[in-house]
Amino acid sequence: MSTLHRSPIDGGGGESNSRFMSPQDEQNRINKGIFSSASPASQGSSSKAVLAALRALQDKIRRLESDKVRADDETKHLRDQIQNKEAEFDYQKQREKMSLQRNLNETKINYEQAMAKKNQLEAHLQELEGINHELRSNTDELVATVQNLEDDKYQKDMTLKDLESKFLHLEMQMEVSQQRERGK
């Protein structure tokens, strides 16, 4: 086992109250008590070992601090990327919202125009249906009038034929009577 090398940290080996010591000072005090009975030759080699261990710890601390700085830099970089992505997302969301609002407004306008055109066409259709109804009524009246006229014509034709028949009959009777009078 190696002995503890005296450093300015342990205060020259003075015994102090452990309540006021740092954890490193406390460990140094414990190590001092454990290794105080070691031989001077072993103390020299253990000092070298302790120094080597301290250097290794210092290197490790430097690497850890360097890793921490790199991690902090990477964290900052990632935060910046996240903020950029969030800003880009918000921008895209706003653009999409504006586009949807524009489409909605256009759709409303087109709907209102279509409804106005529909109402106009329905009014025109009602007007045409009224005219059609009136024309059908007129047509029905004309058909009835034509039928009445045809019936009158038929009646008159029948009367005319009857009169022609009577006239022919009378003419024949007159001829017969004229021939009788001549024959007498």
N, C-alpha and C. Protein backbone atom coordinates (compact mmCIF):
# COMPACT_ATOMS: atom_id res chain seq x y z
N MET A 1 0.83 -1.17 0.00
CA MET A 1 0.00 0.00 0.00
C MET A 1 0.87 1.23 0.00
N SER A 2 0.30 2.29 -0.55
CA SER A 2 1.09 3.52 -0.64
C SER A 2 0.64 4.50 0.43
N THR A 3 1.52 5.45 0.71
CA THR A 3 1.21 6.47 1.71
C THR A 3 0.70 7.71 1.01
N LEU A 4 0.09 8.54 1.80
CA LEU A 4 -0.48 9.76 1.28
C LEU A 4 0.59 10.82 1.15
N HIS A 5 0.59 11.51 0.03
CA HIS A 5 1.51 12.62 -0.18
C HIS A 5 0.91 13.86 0.41
N ARG A 6 1.74 14.63 1.16
CA ARG A 6 1.22 15.84 1.77
C ARG A 6 1.00 16.90 0.71
N SER A 7 -0.16 17.54 0.78
CA SER A 7 -0.45 18.61 -0.18
C SER A 7 -0.99 19.80 0.58
N PRO A 8 -1.05 20.96 -0.05
CA PRO A 8 -1.59 22.14 0.63
C PRO A 8 -3.06 21.94 1.00
N ILE A 9 -3.71 20.97 0.40
CA ILE A 9 -5.13 20.77 0.66
C ILE A 9 -5.36 20.27 2.07
N ASP A 10 -4.47 19.35 2.55
CA ASP A 10 -4.74 18.79 3.87
C ASP A 10 -4.21 19.66 4.99
N GLY A 11 -3.70 20.82 4.68
CA GLY A 11 -3.31 21.79 5.71
C GLY A 11 -2.08 21.36 6.47
N GLY A 12 -1.19 20.57 5.86
CA GLY A 12 0.05 20.20 6.50
C GLY A 12 -0.13 19.10 7.53
N GLY A 13 -1.23 18.41 7.50
CA GLY A 13 -1.43 17.28 8.38
C GLY A 13 -2.05 17.63 9.69
N GLY A 14 -2.41 18.85 9.92
CA GLY A 14 -3.03 19.24 11.17
C GLY A 14 -4.39 18.60 11.31
N GLU A 15 -4.72 18.20 12.54
CA GLU A 15 -6.03 17.59 12.77
C GLU A 15 -7.06 18.70 12.91
N SER A 16 -8.06 18.69 12.05
CA SER A 16 -9.12 19.68 12.13
C SER A 16 -10.44 18.96 12.27
N ASN A 17 -11.40 19.67 12.65
CA ASN A 17 -12.74 19.11 12.84
C ASN A 17 -13.28 18.66 11.48
N SER A 18 -13.74 17.42 11.36
CA SER A 18 -14.19 16.85 10.08
C SER A 18 -15.49 17.49 9.61
N ARG A 19 -16.20 18.20 10.49
CA ARG A 19 -17.42 18.86 10.05
C ARG A 19 -17.14 19.97 9.07
N PHE A 20 -15.93 20.59 9.13
CA PHE A 20 -15.59 21.72 8.28
C PHE A 20 -14.70 21.32 7.12
N MET A 21 -14.46 20.05 6.93
CA MET A 21 -13.58 19.58 5.85
C MET A 21 -14.40 19.24 4.62
N SER A 22 -13.74 19.44 3.48
CA SER A 22 -14.37 19.00 2.25
C SER A 22 -14.27 17.48 2.17
N PRO A 23 -15.03 16.83 1.34
CA PRO A 23 -14.93 15.37 1.23
C PRO A 23 -13.53 14.93 0.83
N GLN A 24 -12.83 15.74 -0.01
CA GLN A 24 -11.47 15.37 -0.41
C GLN A 24 -10.52 15.46 0.79
N ASP A 25 -10.67 16.53 1.60
CA ASP A 25 -9.83 16.66 2.80
C ASP A 25 -10.08 15.51 3.75
N GLU A 26 -11.31 15.12 3.90
CA GLU A 26 -11.66 14.01 4.78
C GLU A 26 -11.00 12.73 4.30
N GLN A 27 -11.03 12.48 2.96
CA GLN A 27 -10.41 11.28 2.41
C GLN A 27 -8.91 11.32 2.62
N ASN A 28 -8.31 12.51 2.44
CA ASN A 28 -6.86 12.65 2.67
C ASN A 28 -6.52 12.33 4.12
N ARG A 29 -7.33 12.80 5.06
CA ARG A 29 -7.07 12.55 6.49
C ARG A 29 -7.15 11.06 6.79
N ILE A 30 -8.14 10.39 6.20
CA ILE A 30 -8.30 8.95 6.43
C ILE A 30 -7.11 8.21 5.83
N ASN A 31 -6.72 8.58 4.61
CA ASN A 31 -5.57 7.92 3.97
C ASN A 31 -4.29 8.16 4.75
N LYS A 32 -4.13 9.33 5.33
CA LYS A 32 -2.94 9.65 6.11
C LYS A 32 -2.83 8.73 7.32
N GLY A 33 -3.95 8.48 7.95
CA GLY A 33 -3.95 7.59 9.11
C GLY A 33 -3.66 6.16 8.71
N ILE A 34 -4.15 5.74 7.58
CA ILE A 34 -3.96 4.35 7.15
C ILE A 34 -2.53 4.11 6.74
N PHE A 35 -1.92 5.07 6.02
CA PHE A 35 -0.60 4.85 5.43
C PHE A 35 0.54 5.45 6.25
N SER A 36 0.30 5.98 7.43
CA SER A 36 1.36 6.64 8.20
C SER A 36 2.40 5.66 8.72
N SER A 37 2.08 4.41 8.85
CA SER A 37 3.04 3.43 9.37
C SER A 37 3.86 2.79 8.27
N ALA A 38 3.67 3.23 7.01
CA ALA A 38 4.40 2.62 5.91
C ALA A 38 5.84 3.07 5.92
N SER A 39 6.71 2.31 5.27
CA SER A 39 8.14 2.61 5.24
C SER A 39 8.42 3.78 4.30
N PRO A 40 9.53 4.53 4.49
CA PRO A 40 9.85 5.66 3.63
C PRO A 40 10.03 5.25 2.17
N ALA A 41 10.53 4.11 1.88
CA ALA A 41 10.74 3.68 0.48
C ALA A 41 9.39 3.46 -0.19
N SER A 42 8.50 2.88 0.58
CA SER A 42 7.18 2.64 -0.01
C SER A 42 6.41 3.95 -0.13
N GLN A 43 6.76 4.95 0.73
CA GLN A 43 6.08 6.24 0.64
C GLN A 43 6.46 6.95 -0.65
N GLY A 44 7.65 6.85 -1.12
CA GLY A 44 8.10 7.50 -2.38
C GLY A 44 7.39 6.91 -3.58
N SER A 45 7.30 5.60 -3.63
CA SER A 45 6.64 4.98 -4.79
C SER A 45 5.14 5.20 -4.73
N SER A 46 4.61 5.24 -3.50
CA SER A 46 3.18 5.49 -3.40
C SER A 46 2.87 6.94 -3.76
N SER A 47 3.79 7.86 -3.47
CA SER A 47 3.59 9.27 -3.85
C SER A 47 3.52 9.39 -5.36
N LYS A 48 4.39 8.65 -6.05
CA LYS A 48 4.37 8.67 -7.51
C LYS A 48 3.04 8.10 -8.02
N ALA A 49 2.60 7.05 -7.36
CA ALA A 49 1.35 6.42 -7.78
C ALA A 49 0.17 7.37 -7.55
N VAL A 50 0.22 8.05 -6.40
CA VAL A 50 -0.84 9.00 -6.10
C VAL A 50 -0.82 10.15 -7.10
N LEU A 51 0.40 10.65 -7.40
CA LEU A 51 0.52 11.73 -8.38
C LEU A 51 0.00 11.28 -9.76
N ALA A 52 0.35 10.07 -10.12
CA ALA A 52 -0.13 9.54 -11.41
C ALA A 52 -1.64 9.42 -11.40
N ALA A 53 -2.18 8.97 -10.25
CA ALA A 53 -3.63 8.84 -10.14
C ALA A 53 -4.29 10.22 -10.20
N LEU A 54 -3.63 11.22 -9.54
CA LEU A 54 -4.16 12.58 -9.57
C LEU A 54 -4.13 13.14 -10.99
N ARG A 55 -3.03 12.89 -11.70
CA ARG A 55 -2.95 13.36 -13.09
C ARG A 55 -4.03 12.69 -13.93
N ALA A 56 -4.21 11.40 -13.72
CA ALA A 56 -5.25 10.69 -14.48
C ALA A 56 -6.62 11.27 -14.16
N LEU A 57 -6.84 11.57 -12.86
CA LEU A 57 -8.12 12.18 -12.48
C LEU A 57 -8.28 13.56 -13.11
N GLN A 58 -7.17 14.33 -13.10
CA GLN A 58 -7.23 15.65 -13.72
C GLN A 58 -7.53 15.54 -15.21
N ASP A 59 -6.89 14.57 -15.89
CA ASP A 59 -7.17 14.35 -17.32
C ASP A 59 -8.63 13.96 -17.52
N LYS A 60 -9.08 13.10 -16.64
CA LYS A 60 -10.48 12.67 -16.76
C LYS A 60 -11.43 13.85 -16.52
N ILE A 61 -11.10 14.70 -15.52
CA ILE A 61 -11.91 15.88 -15.24
C ILE A 61 -11.92 16.80 -16.46
N ARG A 62 -10.73 17.00 -17.08
CA ARG A 62 -10.67 17.84 -18.28
C ARG A 62 -11.53 17.25 -19.40
N ARG A 63 -11.41 15.92 -19.60
CA ARG A 63 -12.22 15.28 -20.64
C ARG A 63 -13.71 15.45 -20.33
N LEU A 64 -14.08 15.24 -19.04
CA LEU A 64 -15.48 15.40 -18.66
C LEU A 64 -15.95 16.83 -18.87
N GLU A 65 -15.09 17.80 -18.49
CA GLU A 65 -15.46 19.19 -18.71
C GLU A 65 -15.59 19.50 -20.20
N SER A 66 -14.66 18.95 -20.99
CA SER A 66 -14.73 19.13 -22.44
C SER A 66 -16.00 18.48 -22.99
N ASP A 67 -16.29 17.26 -22.49
CA ASP A 67 -17.54 16.58 -22.91
C ASP A 67 -18.75 17.40 -22.51
N LYS A 68 -18.70 18.00 -21.30
CA LYS A 68 -19.82 18.82 -20.83
C LYS A 68 -20.00 20.03 -21.74
N VAL A 69 -18.88 20.68 -22.10
CA VAL A 69 -18.96 21.84 -23.00
C VAL A 69 -19.54 21.42 -24.34
N ARG A 70 -19.04 20.28 -24.87
CA ARG A 70 -19.59 19.78 -26.14
C ARG A 70 -21.07 19.46 -26.01
N ALA A 71 -21.46 18.81 -24.88
CA ALA A 71 -22.88 18.48 -24.66
C ALA A 71 -23.71 19.75 -24.54
N ASP A 72 -23.15 20.76 -23.82
CA ASP A 72 -23.86 22.04 -23.71
C ASP A 72 -24.03 22.69 -25.09
N ASP A 73 -22.94 22.66 -25.88
CA ASP A 73 -23.00 23.22 -27.23
C ASP A 73 -24.03 22.47 -28.08
N GLU A 74 -23.98 21.14 -27.98
CA GLU A 74 -24.93 20.34 -28.75
C GLU A 74 -26.37 20.59 -28.28
N THR A 75 -26.55 20.73 -26.97
CA THR A 75 -27.88 21.02 -26.43
C THR A 75 -28.37 22.37 -26.95
N LYS A 76 -27.47 23.37 -26.93
CA LYS A 76 -27.84 24.69 -27.44
C LYS A 76 -28.19 24.59 -28.92
N HIS A 77 -27.36 23.84 -29.66
CA HIS A 77 -27.62 23.66 -31.09
C HIS A 77 -28.97 22.97 -31.30
N LEU A 78 -29.26 21.93 -30.52
CA LEU A 78 -30.54 21.23 -30.64
C LEU A 78 -31.70 22.14 -30.26
N ARG A 79 -31.52 22.95 -29.21
CA ARG A 79 -32.57 23.90 -28.83
C ARG A 79 -32.84 24.89 -29.97
N ASP A 80 -31.73 25.37 -30.57
CA ASP A 80 -31.89 26.29 -31.70
C ASP A 80 -32.63 25.61 -32.85
N GLN A 81 -32.26 24.35 -33.12
CA GLN A 81 -32.94 23.61 -34.19
C GLN A 81 -34.42 23.45 -33.86
N ILE A 82 -34.71 23.11 -32.60
CA ILE A 82 -36.11 22.94 -32.17
C ILE A 82 -36.86 24.26 -32.34
N GLN A 83 -36.24 25.37 -31.91
CA GLN A 83 -36.89 26.67 -32.05
C GLN A 83 -37.12 27.01 -33.53
N ASN A 84 -36.11 26.69 -34.37
CA ASN A 84 -36.27 26.94 -35.81
C ASN A 84 -37.40 26.09 -36.38
N LYS A 85 -37.44 24.81 -35.98
CA LYS A 85 -38.50 23.92 -36.48
C LYS A 85 -39.86 24.40 -35.99
N GLU A 86 -39.93 24.83 -34.72
CA GLU A 86 -41.20 25.33 -34.19
C GLU A 86 -41.63 26.59 -34.93
N ALA A 87 -40.67 27.49 -35.19
CA ALA A 87 -40.99 28.72 -35.93
C ALA A 87 -41.43 28.36 -37.35
N GLU A 88 -40.73 27.41 -37.98
CA GLU A 88 -41.11 26.98 -39.33
C GLU A 88 -42.49 26.34 -39.31
N PHE A 89 -42.74 25.52 -38.29
CA PHE A 89 -44.05 24.87 -38.16
C PHE A 89 -45.15 25.92 -37.97
N ASP A 90 -44.88 26.90 -37.08
CA ASP A 90 -45.86 27.96 -36.85
C ASP A 90 -46.12 28.75 -38.13
N TYR A 91 -45.05 29.03 -38.89
CA TYR A 91 -45.19 29.76 -40.14
C TYR A 91 -46.03 28.96 -41.13
N GLN A 92 -45.70 27.66 -41.27
CA GLN A 92 -46.46 26.79 -42.18
C GLN A 92 -47.91 26.69 -41.73
N LYS A 93 -48.11 26.57 -40.41
CA LYS A 93 -49.46 26.48 -39.87
C LYS A 93 -50.24 27.75 -40.18
N GLN A 94 -49.59 28.90 -40.01
CA GLN A 94 -50.24 30.18 -40.29
C GLN A 94 -50.58 30.30 -41.77
N ARG A 95 -49.63 29.88 -42.64
CA ARG A 95 -49.89 29.92 -44.09
C ARG A 95 -51.04 29.00 -44.45
N GLU A 96 -51.04 27.81 -43.87
CA GLU A 96 -52.12 26.86 -44.16
C GLU A 96 -53.46 27.41 -43.66
N LYS A 97 -53.43 28.03 -42.48
CA LYS A 97 -54.66 28.61 -41.93
C LYS A 97 -55.17 29.72 -42.85
N MET A 98 -54.25 30.57 -43.34
CA MET A 98 -54.65 31.64 -44.24
C MET A 98 -55.18 31.07 -45.55
N SER A 99 -54.53 30.02 -46.05
CA SER A 99 -54.98 29.39 -47.29
C SER A 99 -56.36 28.78 -47.10
N LEU A 100 -56.57 28.09 -45.98
CA LEU A 100 -57.87 27.50 -45.70
C LEU A 100 -58.94 28.59 -45.55
N GLN A 101 -58.58 29.70 -44.91
CA GLN A 101 -59.53 30.80 -44.74
C GLN A 101 -59.89 31.39 -46.10
N ARG A 102 -58.87 31.55 -46.97
CA ARG A 102 -59.12 32.07 -48.31
C ARG A 102 -60.03 31.11 -49.09
N ASN A 103 -59.73 29.81 -49.00
CA ASN A 103 -60.57 28.82 -49.68
C ASN A 103 -61.99 28.84 -49.13
N LEU A 104 -62.11 28.98 -47.81
CA LEU A 104 -63.43 29.03 -47.19
C LEU A 104 -64.20 30.25 -47.69
N ASN A 105 -63.53 31.41 -47.74
CA ASN A 105 -64.18 32.63 -48.23
C ASN A 105 -64.62 32.48 -49.69
N GLU A 106 -63.72 31.89 -50.51
CA GLU A 106 -64.07 31.68 -51.92
C GLU A 106 -65.26 30.72 -52.03
N THR A 107 -65.25 29.68 -51.21
CA THR A 107 -66.34 28.71 -51.23
C THR A 107 -67.65 29.37 -50.81
N LYS A 108 -67.59 30.22 -49.78
CA LYS A 108 -68.80 30.93 -49.35
C LYS A 108 -69.33 31.82 -50.46
N ILE A 109 -68.42 32.55 -51.11
CA ILE A 109 -68.83 33.43 -52.21
C ILE A 109 -69.45 32.61 -53.34
N ASN A 110 -68.77 31.51 -53.71
CA ASN A 110 -69.31 30.65 -54.77
C ASN A 110 -70.66 30.08 -54.38
N TYR A 111 -70.81 29.70 -53.11
CA TYR A 111 -72.08 29.15 -52.63
C TYR A 111 -73.18 30.21 -52.72
N GLU A 112 -72.85 31.42 -52.24
CA GLU A 112 -73.85 32.50 -52.29
C GLU A 112 -74.23 32.83 -53.72
N GLN A 113 -73.25 32.85 -54.63
CA GLN A 113 -73.56 33.11 -56.03
C GLN A 113 -74.42 31.99 -56.60
N ALA A 114 -74.08 30.75 -56.27
CA ALA A 114 -74.86 29.61 -56.76
C ALA A 114 -76.29 29.66 -56.22
N MET A 115 -76.44 30.03 -54.94
CA MET A 115 -77.78 30.12 -54.36
C MET A 115 -78.58 31.25 -55.02
N ALA A 116 -77.92 32.38 -55.30
CA ALA A 116 -78.61 33.49 -55.97
C ALA A 116 -79.04 33.05 -57.37
N LYS A 117 -78.15 32.36 -58.08
CA LYS A 117 -78.49 31.87 -59.42
C LYS A 117 -79.62 30.85 -59.34
N LYS A 118 -79.57 29.97 -58.33
CA LYS A 118 -80.64 28.97 -58.15
C LYS A 118 -81.98 29.67 -57.90
N ASN A 119 -81.96 30.65 -57.02
CA ASN A 119 -83.20 31.39 -56.72
C ASN A 119 -83.73 32.09 -57.98
N GLN A 120 -82.81 32.66 -58.75
CA GLN A 120 -83.20 33.34 -59.98
C GLN A 120 -83.80 32.33 -60.96
N LEU A 121 -83.16 31.16 -61.09
CA LEU A 121 -83.67 30.14 -62.00
C LEU A 121 -85.02 29.58 -61.52
N GLU A 122 -85.16 29.42 -60.20
CA GLU A 122 -86.44 28.93 -59.66
C GLU A 122 -87.55 29.94 -59.93
N ALA A 123 -87.26 31.24 -59.79
CA ALA A 123 -88.27 32.27 -60.08
C ALA A 123 -88.63 32.23 -61.56
N HIS A 124 -87.62 32.10 -62.41
CA HIS A 124 -87.87 32.03 -63.85
C HIS A 124 -88.68 30.77 -64.19
N LEU A 125 -88.35 29.66 -63.53
CA LEU A 125 -89.09 28.41 -63.74
C LEU A 125 -90.55 28.57 -63.33
N GLN A 126 -90.78 29.20 -62.19
CA GLN A 126 -92.17 29.44 -61.75
C GLN A 126 -92.91 30.31 -62.76
N GLU A 127 -92.21 31.32 -63.27
CA GLU A 127 -92.82 32.20 -64.28
C GLU A 127 -93.17 31.39 -65.53
N LEU A 128 -92.24 30.55 -65.97
CA LEU A 128 -92.50 29.73 -67.15
C LEU A 128 -93.62 28.71 -66.89
N GLU A 129 -93.64 28.15 -65.68
CA GLU A 129 -94.71 27.22 -65.34
C GLU A 129 -96.06 27.93 -65.36
N GLY A 130 -96.11 29.18 -64.90
CA GLY A 130 -97.35 29.99 -64.95
C GLY A 130 -97.77 30.21 -66.39
N ILE A 131 -96.80 30.57 -67.24
CA ILE A 131 -97.11 30.78 -68.66
C ILE A 131 -97.58 29.47 -69.28
N ASN A 132 -96.90 28.38 -68.94
CA ASN A 132 -97.27 27.07 -69.47
C ASN A 132 -98.69 26.71 -69.05
N HIS A 133 -99.01 26.96 -67.79
CA HIS A 133 -100.36 26.68 -67.29
C HIS A 133 -101.40 27.51 -68.05
N GLU A 134 -101.06 28.77 -68.25
CA GLU A 134 -101.98 29.67 -68.98
C GLU A 134 -102.15 29.20 -70.42
N LEU A 135 -101.03 28.81 -71.05
CA LEU A 135 -101.11 28.31 -72.43
C LEU A 135 -101.93 27.03 -72.50
N ARG A 136 -101.78 26.16 -71.52
CA ARG A 136 -102.58 24.93 -71.51
C ARG A 136 -104.06 25.26 -71.36
N SER A 137 -104.34 26.22 -70.47
CA SER A 137 -105.75 26.63 -70.30
C SER A 137 -106.29 27.18 -71.62
N ASN A 138 -105.49 28.04 -72.26
CA ASN A 138 -105.90 28.61 -73.56
C ASN A 138 -106.06 27.50 -74.59
N THR A 139 -105.13 26.56 -74.58
CA THR A 139 -105.21 25.45 -75.53
C THR A 139 -106.47 24.64 -75.28
N ASP A 140 -106.74 24.35 -73.99
CA ASP A 140 -107.95 23.60 -73.66
C ASP A 140 -109.19 24.36 -74.13
N GLU A 141 -109.19 25.67 -73.94
CA GLU A 141 -110.33 26.48 -74.39
C GLU A 141 -110.45 26.43 -75.92
N LEU A 142 -109.28 26.55 -76.60
CA LEU A 142 -109.29 26.51 -78.06
C LEU A 142 -109.77 25.14 -78.56
N VAL A 143 -109.31 24.07 -77.89
CA VAL A 143 -109.75 22.73 -78.28
C VAL A 143 -111.26 22.62 -78.11
N ALA A 144 -111.76 23.13 -76.98
CA ALA A 144 -113.21 23.09 -76.74
C ALA A 144 -113.94 23.92 -77.79
N THR A 145 -113.40 25.10 -78.12
CA THR A 145 -114.03 25.96 -79.13
C THR A 145 -114.01 25.27 -80.49
N VAL A 146 -112.86 24.68 -80.84
CA VAL A 146 -112.77 23.97 -82.12
C VAL A 146 -113.77 22.83 -82.14
N GLN A 147 -113.85 22.10 -81.03
CA GLN A 147 -114.80 20.98 -80.95
C GLN A 147 -116.23 21.49 -81.13
N ASN A 148 -116.54 22.61 -80.46
CA ASN A 148 -117.88 23.20 -80.62
C ASN A 148 -118.13 23.62 -82.06
N LEU A 149 -117.10 24.25 -82.67
CA LEU A 149 -117.24 24.67 -84.06
C LEU A 149 -117.42 23.46 -84.98
N GLU A 150 -116.66 22.42 -84.71
CA GLU A 150 -116.80 21.21 -85.53
C GLU A 150 -118.21 20.61 -85.34
N ASP A 151 -118.67 20.62 -84.08
CA ASP A 151 -120.02 20.11 -83.83
C ASP A 151 -121.05 20.98 -84.56
N ASP A 152 -120.90 22.33 -84.48
CA ASP A 152 -121.80 23.23 -85.20
C ASP A 152 -121.74 22.97 -86.70
N LYS A 153 -120.52 22.82 -87.21
CA LYS A 153 -120.35 22.58 -88.63
C LYS A 153 -121.04 21.27 -89.01
N TYR A 154 -120.87 20.27 -88.20
CA TYR A 154 -121.50 18.98 -88.48
C TYR A 154 -123.02 19.15 -88.49
N GLN A 155 -123.48 19.87 -87.45
CA GLN A 155 -124.94 20.11 -87.40
C GLN A 155 -125.41 20.89 -88.63
N LYS A 156 -124.64 21.91 -88.99
CA LYS A 156 -125.02 22.72 -90.13
C LYS A 156 -124.90 21.91 -91.41
N ASP A 157 -123.84 21.10 -91.51
CA ASP A 157 -123.71 20.23 -92.68
C ASP A 157 -124.91 19.28 -92.78
N MET A 158 -125.30 18.76 -91.64
CA MET A 158 -126.45 17.86 -91.61
C MET A 158 -127.71 18.62 -92.02
N THR A 159 -127.84 19.84 -91.47
CA THR A 159 -129.01 20.66 -91.82
C THR A 159 -128.98 20.99 -93.30
N LEU A 160 -127.79 21.34 -93.79
CA LEU A 160 -127.63 21.66 -95.21
C LEU A 160 -127.97 20.45 -96.07
N LYS A 161 -127.50 19.29 -95.71
CA LYS A 161 -127.81 18.08 -96.47
C LYS A 161 -129.31 17.82 -96.42
N ASP A 162 -129.88 18.03 -95.24
CA ASP A 162 -131.32 17.83 -95.11
C ASP A 162 -132.07 18.80 -96.01
N LEU A 163 -131.60 20.09 -95.98
CA LEU A 163 -132.23 21.09 -96.82
C LEU A 163 -132.01 20.78 -98.30
N GLU A 164 -130.82 20.37 -98.67
CA GLU A 164 -130.55 20.01 -100.05
C GLU A 164 -131.44 18.84 -100.47
N SER A 165 -131.55 17.88 -99.55
CA SER A 165 -132.40 16.73 -99.85
C SER A 165 -133.86 17.18 -100.03
N LYS A 166 -134.31 18.06 -99.13
CA LYS A 166 -135.69 18.58 -99.25
C LYS A 166 -135.83 19.38 -100.53
N PHE A 167 -134.77 20.21 -100.84
CA PHE A 167 -134.82 21.02 -102.04
C PHE A 167 -134.90 20.12 -103.27
N LEU A 168 -134.07 19.09 -103.29
CA LEU A 168 -134.11 18.16 -104.42
C LEU A 168 -135.49 17.48 -104.50
N HIS A 169 -135.99 17.14 -103.36
CA HIS A 169 -137.30 16.50 -103.32
C HIS A 169 -138.37 17.48 -103.85
N LEU A 170 -138.27 18.74 -103.38
CA LEU A 170 -139.23 19.74 -103.86
C LEU A 170 -139.03 20.00 -105.35
N GLU A 171 -137.83 20.06 -105.81
CA GLU A 171 -137.55 20.30 -107.21
C GLU A 171 -138.11 19.16 -108.05
N MET A 172 -137.95 17.98 -107.54
CA MET A 172 -138.48 16.83 -108.25
C MET A 172 -140.02 16.89 -108.26
N GLN A 173 -140.56 17.28 -107.16
CA GLN A 173 -142.04 17.39 -107.12
C GLN A 173 -142.49 18.48 -108.06
N MET A 174 -141.74 19.58 -108.13
CA MET A 174 -142.12 20.65 -109.05
C MET A 174 -142.00 20.16 -110.48
N GLU A 175 -141.02 19.46 -110.81
CA GLU A 175 -140.86 18.95 -112.16
C GLU A 175 -141.98 17.97 -112.48
N VAL A 176 -142.25 17.15 -111.52
CA VAL A 176 -143.34 16.18 -111.73
C VAL A 176 -144.64 16.97 -111.89
N SER A 177 -144.86 17.93 -111.04
CA SER A 177 -146.10 18.68 -111.14
C SER A 177 -146.09 19.49 -112.45
N GLN A 178 -145.02 20.02 -112.92
CA GLN A 178 -144.97 20.76 -114.18
C GLN A 178 -145.21 19.79 -115.32
N GLN A 179 -144.74 18.62 -115.27
CA GLN A 179 -144.95 17.66 -116.32
C GLN A 179 -146.40 17.23 -116.30
N ARG A 180 -147.03 17.17 -115.20
CA ARG A 180 -148.44 16.82 -115.11
C ARG A 180 -149.26 17.94 -115.72
N GLU A 181 -148.88 19.10 -115.41
CA GLU A 181 -149.64 20.21 -115.97
C GLU A 181 -149.39 20.28 -117.46
N ARG A 182 -148.41 20.00 -117.99
CA ARG A 182 -148.15 20.02 -119.41
C ARG A 182 -148.86 18.83 -120.05
N GLY A 183 -148.88 17.82 -119.33
CA GLY A 183 -149.50 16.62 -119.82
C GLY A 183 -151.00 16.69 -119.73
N LYS A 184 -151.48 17.48 -119.11
CA LYS A 184 -152.92 17.65 -119.07
C LYS A 184 -153.32 18.43 -120.19
